[in-house]
């Protein structure tokens, strides 16, 4: 199950998992996007379904999980990828309700999905959860408090879940996907508040938009998900990993990041 699967990193992850033989449930609010991705996967001989879902609404989440299990069977892998980039600006100026809605996507959504899928994973004795976080979780980025706070919280939820899952054969991870020019990047580039407060980022986004190598990060992220889904790195459960991290080296060190 991949949330935010209609575009960007979510689509890249879903297509790669399907290419590896997984039956994939694609979730987002846009069924048209999901139908396109599912069609592309089936066109290559894969198995996929699209399920419209509001990741912040419990009823919608449980409906999506139930539909997935009905059509595809038990969920062994959850990739929580849905995200929003803003709101941007000083804490004392951003709209508090908009800021809180962002936390619903960053924090409430993975919490709801873990509550929906972890009991089955624990009962079956197998399963993995991967949250698509960001390096914003470990830096202070002025005017991006909603995003940074949400990503910090995601990493802590993963660490807490992993501690509680110890001995269950179920693992949880958080990863930074990299820096591809996705639809969320375009939303940031076109946001008037981001333009006002994030001048340096605007320049980096424009450079990345014009860089043909940007798409490589999509493939690298999908590979990282495949690696973590394999079970080889379950001893690193609870960790947060960035694209340059050597998982084999960390495994040899014997502790999550």
Protein backbone atom coordinates (compact mmCIF):
# COMPACT_ATOMS: atom_id res chain seq x y z
CA UNK A 1 0.00 0.00 0.00
CA UNK A 2 1.45 3.34 -1.12
CA UNK A 3 -0.16 6.65 -0.16
CA UNK A 4 0.31 9.70 -2.34
CA UNK A 5 0.85 7.25 -5.20
CA UNK A 6 -0.57 9.33 -8.04
CA UNK A 7 2.60 11.28 -8.78
CA UNK A 8 6.20 11.98 -7.85
CA UNK A 9 7.98 9.75 -5.38
CA UNK A 10 4.82 7.81 -4.58
CA UNK A 11 4.33 6.84 -8.19
CA UNK A 12 7.99 5.90 -8.62
CA UNK A 13 7.85 3.72 -5.52
CA UNK A 14 4.59 2.03 -6.54
CA UNK A 15 5.80 1.29 -10.06
CA UNK A 16 9.07 -0.13 -8.79
CA UNK A 17 7.34 -2.35 -6.22
CA UNK A 18 4.98 -3.62 -8.91
CA UNK A 19 7.99 -4.31 -11.12
CA UNK A 20 9.41 -6.43 -8.31
CA UNK A 21 6.23 -8.52 -8.31
CA UNK A 22 4.22 -6.85 -5.55
CA UNK A 23 0.48 -6.32 -5.88
CA UNK A 24 0.16 -2.61 -5.12
CA UNK A 25 -2.70 -0.53 -3.73
CA UNK A 26 -2.37 3.07 -4.88
CA UNK A 27 -3.93 5.70 -2.62
CA UNK A 28 -4.55 9.42 -3.06
CA UNK A 29 -7.45 11.86 -3.29
CA UNK A 30 -7.27 11.93 -7.12
CA UNK A 31 -8.72 8.76 -8.61
CA UNK A 32 -7.87 9.96 -12.12
CA UNK A 33 -4.17 10.03 -11.26
CA UNK A 34 -4.40 6.62 -9.62
CA UNK A 35 -6.15 5.13 -12.63
CA UNK A 36 -3.33 6.38 -14.83
CA UNK A 37 -0.65 4.84 -12.61
CA UNK A 38 -2.56 1.58 -12.19
CA UNK A 39 -3.02 1.39 -15.95
CA UNK A 40 0.69 1.89 -16.51
CA UNK A 41 1.50 -0.86 -14.02
CA UNK A 42 -1.00 -3.29 -15.52
CA UNK A 43 0.30 -2.45 -18.99
CA UNK A 44 3.65 -3.86 -17.91
CA UNK A 45 2.10 -7.03 -16.50
CA UNK A 46 1.86 -5.84 -12.90
CA UNK A 47 -1.04 -5.88 -10.48
CA UNK A 48 -2.42 -2.65 -9.01
CA UNK A 49 -5.64 -1.02 -7.86
CA UNK A 50 -6.40 2.63 -7.18
CA UNK A 51 -8.36 3.59 -4.08
CA UNK A 52 -9.44 7.18 -3.42
CA UNK A 53 -8.54 8.06 0.15
CA UNK A 54 -8.37 11.06 2.44
CA UNK A 55 -5.37 10.01 4.51
CA UNK A 56 -6.41 12.24 7.42
CA UNK A 57 -9.89 10.72 7.81
CA UNK A 58 -10.19 7.48 9.84
CA UNK A 59 -13.23 6.18 7.96
CA UNK A 60 -11.53 6.77 4.62
CA UNK A 61 -8.32 5.09 5.80
CA UNK A 62 -10.09 2.00 7.11
CA UNK A 63 -12.18 1.79 3.94
CA UNK A 64 -9.01 1.88 1.83
CA UNK A 65 -7.34 -0.79 3.94
CA UNK A 66 -10.45 -2.98 3.80
CA UNK A 67 -10.77 -2.58 0.04
CA UNK A 68 -7.11 -3.43 -0.44
CA UNK A 69 -7.34 -6.56 1.67
CA UNK A 70 -10.52 -7.61 -0.12
CA UNK A 71 -8.98 -7.32 -3.59
CA UNK A 72 -5.26 -7.93 -3.07
CA UNK A 73 -4.99 -9.76 0.24
CA UNK A 74 -3.13 -8.94 3.47
CA UNK A 75 -0.98 -5.81 3.54
CA UNK A 76 2.68 -6.65 4.16
CA UNK A 77 4.14 -3.24 3.30
CA UNK A 78 2.88 0.26 4.01
CA UNK A 79 4.61 3.23 2.38
CA UNK A 80 3.27 6.42 3.95
CA UNK A 81 4.18 9.02 1.36
CA UNK A 82 1.38 11.60 1.26
CA UNK A 83 2.65 15.07 2.04
CA UNK A 84 2.16 18.82 1.72
CA UNK A 85 4.89 21.47 1.42
CA UNK A 86 3.47 24.48 3.29
CA UNK A 87 2.28 26.76 4.70
CA UNK A 88 5.31 29.03 4.52
CA UNK A 89 6.14 32.11 6.57
CA UNK A 90 6.87 33.25 10.13
CA UNK A 91 5.11 31.27 12.83
CA UNK A 92 3.32 34.43 13.99
CA UNK A 93 1.93 35.07 10.50
CA UNK A 94 1.01 31.71 8.98
CA UNK A 95 -2.62 30.65 9.17
CA UNK A 96 -2.85 28.43 12.25
CA UNK A 97 -5.60 26.26 10.77
CA UNK A 98 -3.63 25.68 7.58
CA UNK A 99 -0.55 24.86 9.68
CA UNK A 100 -2.57 22.34 11.67
CA UNK A 101 -4.04 20.76 8.53
CA UNK A 102 -0.48 20.16 7.37
CA UNK A 103 0.20 18.27 10.62
CA UNK A 104 -2.84 16.12 9.92
CA UNK A 105 -1.13 14.95 6.72
CA UNK A 106 2.35 14.65 8.24
CA UNK A 107 1.41 13.11 11.59
CA UNK A 108 -2.21 11.97 11.80
CA UNK A 109 -2.09 10.11 8.48
CA UNK A 110 0.81 7.74 9.26
CA UNK A 111 -0.64 7.22 12.75
CA UNK A 112 -4.02 6.22 11.28
CA UNK A 113 -2.48 3.86 8.75
CA UNK A 114 -0.26 2.22 11.35
CA UNK A 115 -3.31 1.65 13.54
CA UNK A 116 -5.10 0.09 10.57
CA UNK A 117 -2.36 -2.22 9.27
CA UNK A 118 -0.07 -3.06 12.19
CA UNK A 119 -2.46 -5.42 14.02
CA UNK A 120 -2.62 -7.67 10.95
CA UNK A 121 1.13 -7.51 10.41
CA UNK A 122 1.79 -8.43 14.03
CA UNK A 123 -0.70 -11.31 13.91
CA UNK A 124 0.90 -12.71 10.74
CA UNK A 125 4.42 -12.21 12.03
CA UNK A 126 5.64 -10.14 9.09
CA UNK A 127 5.38 -6.62 7.74
CA UNK A 128 7.16 -3.33 7.20
CA UNK A 129 6.20 0.33 7.41
CA UNK A 130 8.19 3.01 5.61
CA UNK A 131 7.45 6.70 6.15
CA UNK A 132 8.71 9.11 3.50
CA UNK A 133 10.16 11.83 5.67
CA UNK A 134 12.74 14.48 4.71
CA UNK A 135 16.02 15.98 5.88
CA UNK A 136 13.85 18.83 7.18
CA UNK A 137 13.43 16.52 10.18
CA UNK A 138 16.97 17.30 11.32
CA UNK A 139 17.48 20.93 10.31
CA UNK A 140 16.10 24.31 11.29
CA UNK A 141 14.62 25.89 8.16
CA UNK A 142 13.11 29.32 8.88
CA UNK A 143 9.62 29.90 7.47
CA UNK A 144 9.05 26.14 7.06
CA UNK A 145 7.87 25.32 10.58
CA UNK A 146 4.91 23.22 9.44
CA UNK A 147 7.02 20.99 7.22
CA UNK A 148 9.97 20.66 9.61
CA UNK A 149 7.75 19.95 12.61
CA UNK A 150 5.76 17.37 10.68
CA UNK A 151 8.86 15.53 9.50
CA UNK A 152 10.43 15.50 12.96
CA UNK A 153 7.20 14.01 14.27
CA UNK A 154 7.14 11.36 11.53
CA UNK A 155 10.61 10.19 12.50
CA UNK A 156 9.65 9.99 16.16
CA UNK A 157 6.47 8.04 15.39
CA UNK A 158 8.58 5.56 13.45
CA UNK A 159 11.07 5.25 16.31
CA UNK A 160 8.28 4.78 18.85
CA UNK A 161 6.53 2.19 16.70
CA UNK A 162 9.76 0.27 16.18
CA UNK A 163 10.41 0.16 19.92
CA UNK A 164 6.91 -1.17 20.52
CA UNK A 165 7.23 -3.68 17.67
CA UNK A 166 10.43 -5.21 19.04
CA UNK A 167 10.22 -8.99 18.84
CA UNK A 168 7.21 -8.98 16.51
CA UNK A 169 9.02 -9.47 13.16
CA UNK A 170 7.50 -6.18 12.00
CA UNK A 171 9.82 -3.27 11.21
CA UNK A 172 9.38 0.48 10.70
CA UNK A 173 11.64 2.97 8.94
CA UNK A 174 11.74 6.63 7.89
CA UNK A 175 13.65 7.86 4.84
CA UNK A 176 14.51 11.09 3.06
CA UNK A 177 13.48 10.48 -0.57
CA UNK A 178 15.97 12.86 -2.16
CA UNK A 179 15.56 16.02 -4.21
CA UNK A 180 13.61 15.37 -7.41
CA UNK A 181 11.48 18.09 -9.00
CA UNK A 182 8.02 16.75 -8.19
CA UNK A 183 4.54 18.27 -8.18
CA UNK A 184 5.10 19.28 -4.54
CA UNK A 185 8.27 21.06 -5.61
CA UNK A 186 6.28 22.93 -8.24
CA UNK A 187 3.64 23.86 -5.67
CA UNK A 188 6.41 25.34 -3.54
CA UNK A 189 7.92 27.18 -6.49
CA UNK A 190 4.56 28.73 -7.35
CA UNK A 191 3.58 29.59 -3.75
CA UNK A 192 3.66 33.36 -3.20
CA UNK A 193 4.68 33.01 0.46
CA UNK A 194 7.51 30.65 -0.48
CA UNK A 195 8.63 33.14 -3.10
CA UNK A 196 8.69 35.85 -0.45
CA UNK A 197 10.48 33.96 2.30
CA UNK A 198 12.45 31.17 0.63
CA UNK A 199 14.59 32.93 -1.95
CA UNK A 200 17.44 30.44 -1.72
CA UNK A 201 15.15 27.47 -2.10
CA UNK A 202 13.48 29.06 -5.12
CA UNK A 203 16.84 29.14 -6.84
CA UNK A 204 17.62 25.54 -5.98
CA UNK A 205 14.20 24.40 -7.18
CA UNK A 206 14.62 26.20 -10.52
CA UNK A 207 18.02 24.58 -10.97
CA UNK A 208 16.60 21.17 -10.12
CA UNK A 209 13.66 21.66 -12.48
CA UNK A 210 16.09 22.15 -15.35
CA UNK A 211 18.38 19.29 -14.27
CA UNK A 212 17.74 16.03 -16.18
CA UNK A 213 19.42 14.17 -13.33
CA UNK A 214 16.53 15.12 -11.04
CA UNK A 215 14.66 11.97 -12.03
CA UNK A 216 17.51 9.84 -10.72
CA UNK A 217 16.42 10.60 -7.16
CA UNK A 218 13.03 9.05 -7.93
CA UNK A 219 14.74 5.80 -8.91
CA UNK A 220 17.12 5.93 -5.93
CA UNK A 221 14.22 6.43 -3.53
CA UNK A 222 12.30 3.52 -5.05
CA UNK A 223 15.38 1.34 -4.69
CA UNK A 224 15.75 2.31 -1.04
CA UNK A 225 12.13 1.28 -0.42
CA UNK A 226 12.73 -2.05 -2.15
CA UNK A 227 15.84 -2.61 -0.04
CA UNK A 228 14.04 -1.90 3.23
CA UNK A 229 11.03 -3.96 2.16
CA UNK A 230 13.28 -6.97 1.54
CA UNK A 231 13.76 -7.64 5.25
CA UNK A 232 17.53 -7.50 4.98
CA UNK A 233 17.72 -4.38 7.10
CA UNK A 234 15.10 -5.14 9.74
CA UNK A 235 17.75 -4.80 12.45
CA UNK A 236 17.75 -1.07 11.61
CA UNK A 237 14.05 -0.74 12.45
CA UNK A 238 13.30 2.66 13.94
CA UNK A 239 15.97 4.44 11.98
CA UNK A 240 15.82 7.43 9.64
CA UNK A 241 17.97 7.22 6.52
CA UNK A 242 19.02 9.64 3.80
CA UNK A 243 20.02 8.76 0.22
CA UNK A 244 23.76 8.83 0.95
CA UNK A 245 23.53 6.52 3.96
CA UNK A 246 25.17 3.11 3.56
CA UNK A 247 22.67 0.67 5.02
CA UNK A 248 25.15 -2.21 5.01
CA UNK A 249 27.62 -0.14 7.01
CA UNK A 250 24.91 0.84 9.47
CA UNK A 251 23.88 -2.79 9.74
CA UNK A 252 27.46 -3.68 10.60
CA UNK A 253 27.43 -0.97 13.29
CA UNK A 254 24.46 -2.75 14.82
CA UNK A 255 22.17 0.19 15.54
CA UNK A 256 19.60 2.37 13.71
CA UNK A 257 20.45 5.97 12.80
